[in-house]
Amino acid sequence: MQLSHKPFFALVALLALAPLGARAGELAILRNGFEQRCDHHGVVEGKLRLFLHADGESFLEYAPEQVERFEPVPDDPPPPALVSQEPSLNQQDMHTILDHAGKDHDLDVDLLASVIKAESGGNARAVSRTGARGLMQLMPGTAAGLGVEDSFRPDQNVRGGSAYLNSLLIRYHDNLALALAAYNAGPGAVDKYHGIPPYRETRAYVARVIHEFNRRIRARASAERASATR
């Protein structure tokens, strides 16, 4: 499950995401099994128009019978609330924890670091408004199922979060974007929508982690080249 040398894969996954600055809007469920996200819709001259932006200038047209229904795109959940702002772990301690977890679960340390940055910003005492805790923001039930006794213990939290992320990569056949979406929104949402859910927060999260992972991969490759030329 090692994802250490796949920056191209990650970039492709990132480009596949829908624009992240859009409003919540609607999701048109088509009778052919496909879905089309839009800002709003209306009937014009007997045709069903799906307006892609609020200004109404860009739209797609369908016969009314081609669309089964419309679903609202859920609003973003509230951002994590960090109730404790303890100093981040020092770099060496964090590297040791990530290295051990990465080796145990065959995951790249830079991928784990990217997830931690998006989840908690490196704050081992972070707690979200929904109750997720620690560096990799584990919910209490998830943590218990992973054998994590104290989510505020960085080593336990990262070990549990790494095991969970690895299980999602296995479930989604190494599709990093889907695994990250499931980490954020839950596997149920990914399975329901047969892909990344149309939640702005989830899509932004996936893009943010993949962007950071690619940045770290490029920086590591650059450092390795520089070291080789010395």
Protein backbone atom coordinates (compact mmCIF):
# COMPACT_ATOMS: atom_id res chain seq x y z
CA MET A 1 0.00 0.00 0.00
CA GLN A 2 3.06 2.22 -0.29
CA LEU A 3 2.13 5.51 -1.92
CA SER A 4 5.54 7.10 -1.87
CA HIS A 5 6.29 7.40 -5.58
CA LYS A 6 2.92 8.25 -7.11
CA PRO A 7 2.77 12.06 -7.39
CA PHE A 8 1.37 11.75 -10.93
CA PHE A 9 -1.51 9.61 -9.65
CA ALA A 10 -2.23 12.14 -6.96
CA LEU A 11 -2.18 15.02 -9.43
CA VAL A 12 -4.63 13.22 -11.68
CA ALA A 13 -6.91 12.63 -8.73
CA LEU A 14 -6.68 16.30 -7.81
CA LEU A 15 -7.56 17.46 -11.32
CA ALA A 16 -10.60 15.20 -11.30
CA LEU A 17 -12.22 17.12 -8.48
CA ALA A 18 -14.95 19.63 -9.18
CA PRO A 19 -14.27 23.36 -8.62
CA LEU A 20 -13.96 23.95 -4.91
CA GLY A 21 -15.15 27.52 -4.70
CA ALA A 22 -18.71 26.79 -5.83
CA ARG A 23 -21.75 27.23 -3.62
CA ALA A 24 -23.50 24.17 -2.31
CA GLY A 25 -26.05 24.10 -5.15
CA GLU A 26 -27.89 21.00 -6.33
CA LEU A 27 -27.17 17.54 -7.65
CA ALA A 28 -29.27 16.35 -10.58
CA ILE A 29 -29.77 12.58 -10.54
CA LEU A 30 -30.18 11.47 -14.17
CA ARG A 31 -32.17 8.41 -15.20
CA ASN A 32 -29.13 7.01 -17.04
CA GLY A 33 -27.34 6.62 -13.70
CA PHE A 34 -25.13 9.69 -13.96
CA GLU A 35 -25.14 12.79 -11.80
CA GLN A 36 -24.65 16.45 -12.69
CA ARG A 37 -23.89 19.15 -10.18
CA CYS A 38 -25.36 22.59 -10.78
CA ASP A 39 -26.05 25.85 -8.97
CA HIS A 40 -29.80 25.82 -9.67
CA HIS A 41 -32.28 24.67 -12.31
CA GLY A 42 -35.34 25.86 -14.16
CA VAL A 43 -37.65 25.06 -17.08
CA VAL A 44 -37.17 27.17 -20.20
CA GLU A 45 -39.27 26.53 -23.33
CA GLY A 46 -40.04 23.01 -22.18
CA LYS A 47 -36.41 22.12 -21.52
CA LEU A 48 -34.91 21.55 -18.11
CA ARG A 49 -31.91 23.83 -17.71
CA LEU A 50 -29.18 23.07 -15.19
CA PHE A 51 -27.39 26.35 -14.51
CA LEU A 52 -23.76 25.71 -13.64
CA HIS A 53 -23.18 29.08 -11.95
CA ALA A 54 -25.27 31.58 -10.05
CA ASP A 55 -25.13 34.14 -12.89
CA GLY A 56 -27.13 31.78 -15.13
CA GLU A 57 -24.88 32.26 -18.16
CA SER A 58 -23.63 28.66 -18.35
CA PHE A 59 -26.11 25.83 -18.43
CA LEU A 60 -26.87 22.32 -19.68
CA GLU A 61 -30.21 21.35 -21.15
CA TYR A 62 -32.10 18.08 -20.68
CA ALA A 63 -35.52 16.82 -21.54
CA PRO A 64 -37.52 16.77 -18.27
CA GLU A 65 -37.91 13.00 -18.42
CA GLN A 66 -34.10 12.57 -18.45
CA VAL A 67 -33.81 13.83 -14.85
CA GLU A 68 -35.12 11.62 -12.08
CA ARG A 69 -34.77 14.07 -9.20
CA PHE A 70 -32.71 16.83 -7.61
CA GLU A 71 -30.88 16.58 -4.32
CA PRO A 72 -29.44 19.50 -2.33
CA VAL A 73 -25.71 19.47 -1.91
CA PRO A 74 -25.07 19.50 1.86
CA ASP A 75 -23.47 22.56 3.37
CA ASP A 76 -20.01 22.26 4.82
CA PRO A 77 -19.82 20.94 8.37
CA PRO A 78 -18.33 23.41 10.83
CA PRO A 79 -14.54 23.55 10.80
CA PRO A 80 -12.66 21.78 13.56
CA ALA A 81 -12.44 23.68 16.82
CA LEU A 82 -9.10 23.34 18.49
CA VAL A 83 -9.90 23.46 22.18
CA SER A 84 -6.31 23.15 23.25
CA GLN A 85 -3.39 24.88 21.61
CA GLU A 86 -0.49 22.94 23.02
CA PRO A 87 2.79 23.32 21.16
CA SER A 88 3.23 20.95 18.23
CA LEU A 89 5.56 17.99 18.58
CA ASN A 90 9.13 18.70 17.66
CA GLN A 91 10.18 17.61 14.21
CA GLN A 92 12.25 14.65 15.34
CA ASP A 93 9.51 13.20 17.55
CA MET A 94 6.97 13.57 14.76
CA HIS A 95 9.30 11.96 12.23
CA THR A 96 9.88 8.98 14.52
CA ILE A 97 6.15 8.46 15.08
CA LEU A 98 5.37 8.75 11.37
CA ASP A 99 8.24 6.49 10.40
CA HIS A 100 7.07 3.71 12.72
CA ALA A 101 3.44 4.01 11.63
CA GLY A 102 4.40 4.18 7.97
CA LYS A 103 6.48 1.02 8.18
CA ASP A 104 3.80 -0.84 10.12
CA HIS A 105 1.10 -0.03 7.57
CA ASP A 106 3.15 0.39 4.38
CA LEU A 107 2.28 4.07 4.04
CA ASP A 108 4.43 6.97 2.94
CA VAL A 109 5.40 9.24 5.83
CA ASP A 110 4.70 12.28 3.67
CA LEU A 111 1.16 11.08 3.06
CA LEU A 112 0.62 10.67 6.79
CA ALA A 113 2.15 14.10 7.42
CA SER A 114 -0.17 15.62 4.82
CA VAL A 115 -3.24 14.08 6.45
CA ILE A 116 -2.14 15.30 9.88
CA LYS A 117 -1.61 18.82 8.57
CA ALA A 118 -5.13 18.89 7.12
CA GLU A 119 -6.75 17.24 10.13
CA SER A 120 -5.17 18.96 13.11
CA GLY A 121 -2.31 21.17 11.98
CA GLY A 122 -0.02 19.01 14.09
CA ASN A 123 -1.85 19.74 17.35
CA ALA A 124 -1.95 16.53 19.39
CA ARG A 125 -4.73 17.96 21.63
CA ALA A 126 -7.03 19.04 18.80
CA VAL A 127 -10.74 18.31 19.31
CA SER A 128 -13.37 19.03 16.66
CA ARG A 129 -16.93 20.12 17.36
CA THR A 130 -18.04 16.61 16.42
CA GLY A 131 -15.67 15.06 18.95
CA ALA A 132 -12.81 13.87 16.70
CA ARG A 133 -9.53 13.92 18.61
CA GLY A 134 -5.81 14.20 18.22
CA LEU A 135 -3.39 14.45 15.33
CA MET A 136 -5.42 12.37 12.87
CA GLN A 137 -8.80 13.38 14.34
CA LEU A 138 -10.17 10.00 15.36
CA MET A 139 -13.76 9.71 16.54
CA PRO A 140 -14.00 7.90 19.89
CA GLY A 141 -15.81 4.89 18.40
CA THR A 142 -13.32 4.58 15.55
CA ALA A 143 -10.41 4.92 17.95
CA ALA A 144 -11.80 2.20 20.23
CA GLY A 145 -12.25 -0.12 17.27
CA LEU A 146 -8.64 0.45 16.29
CA GLY A 147 -7.34 -0.32 19.77
CA VAL A 148 -6.45 3.30 20.58
CA GLU A 149 -6.79 3.81 24.32
CA ASP A 150 -5.83 7.50 24.37
CA SER A 151 -6.34 9.55 21.21
CA PHE A 152 -4.28 12.36 22.71
CA ARG A 153 -1.22 10.12 22.78
CA PRO A 154 0.46 11.00 19.45
CA ASP A 155 1.94 7.54 18.93
CA GLN A 156 -1.38 5.78 19.57
CA ASN A 157 -3.37 8.28 17.50
CA VAL A 158 -1.08 8.06 14.46
CA ARG A 159 -0.91 4.28 14.73
CA GLY A 160 -4.70 4.06 14.74
CA GLY A 161 -5.19 6.68 12.03
CA SER A 162 -2.62 4.98 9.82
CA ALA A 163 -4.33 1.62 10.23
CA TYR A 164 -7.67 3.18 9.31
CA LEU A 165 -6.27 4.99 6.26
CA ASN A 166 -4.56 1.79 5.13
CA SER A 167 -7.84 -0.13 5.41
CA LEU A 168 -9.54 2.50 3.24
CA LEU A 169 -6.82 2.26 0.60
CA ILE A 170 -7.34 -1.50 0.53
CA ARG A 171 -11.12 -1.04 0.30
CA TYR A 172 -10.83 1.39 -2.62
CA HIS A 173 -8.02 -0.45 -4.42
CA ASP A 174 -5.31 2.16 -3.80
CA ASN A 175 -7.45 5.03 -5.07
CA LEU A 176 -6.03 7.75 -2.89
CA ALA A 177 -8.75 10.31 -3.60
CA LEU A 178 -11.52 7.90 -2.62
CA ALA A 179 -9.66 6.75 0.50
CA LEU A 180 -9.20 10.35 1.63
CA ALA A 181 -12.84 11.16 0.90
CA ALA A 182 -13.88 8.18 3.02
CA TYR A 183 -11.51 9.27 5.80
CA ASN A 184 -13.23 12.65 5.84
CA ALA A 185 -16.87 11.85 5.10
CA GLY A 186 -17.05 8.13 5.89
CA PRO A 187 -17.10 5.10 3.58
CA GLY A 188 -20.89 5.16 3.54
CA ALA A 189 -20.94 8.51 1.76
CA VAL A 190 -18.36 7.39 -0.81
CA ASP A 191 -20.29 4.19 -1.49
CA LYS A 192 -23.59 6.05 -1.74
CA TYR A 193 -22.29 8.45 -4.40
CA HIS A 194 -19.99 5.91 -6.07
CA GLY A 195 -17.13 8.36 -5.77
CA ILE A 196 -16.15 11.50 -3.92
CA PRO A 197 -19.32 12.85 -2.26
CA PRO A 198 -20.57 16.23 -3.51
CA TYR A 199 -19.74 17.88 -0.20
CA ARG A 200 -17.67 21.04 -0.48
CA GLU A 201 -15.80 20.30 2.72
CA THR A 202 -14.88 16.79 1.59
CA ARG A 203 -13.78 17.85 -1.88
CA ALA A 204 -11.71 20.68 -0.44
CA TYR A 205 -10.17 18.26 2.08
CA VAL A 206 -9.17 15.73 -0.59
CA ALA A 207 -7.66 18.45 -2.76
CA ARG A 208 -5.80 19.96 0.19
CA VAL A 209 -4.24 16.67 1.28
CA ILE A 210 -3.24 15.66 -2.25
CA HIS A 211 -1.77 19.09 -2.93
CA GLU A 212 0.32 18.91 0.23
CA PHE A 213 1.37 15.32 -0.52
CA ASN A 214 2.54 16.30 -4.01
CA ARG A 215 4.40 19.29 -2.59
CA ARG A 216 6.24 17.07 -0.14
CA ILE A 217 7.04 14.51 -2.84
CA ARG A 218 8.54 17.22 -5.05
CA ALA A 219 10.54 18.66 -2.16
CA ARG A 220 11.88 15.22 -1.26
CA ALA A 221 12.88 14.50 -4.86
CA SER A 222 14.62 17.86 -5.08
CA ALA A 223 16.54 17.21 -1.85
CA GLU A 224 17.58 13.77 -3.10
CA ARG A 225 18.87 15.25 -6.37
CA ALA A 226 20.77 17.94 -4.52
CA SER A 227 22.33 15.36 -2.22
CA ALA A 228 23.38 13.18 -5.17
CA THR A 229 25.26 16.04 -6.82
CA ARG A 230 27.35 16.90 -3.78
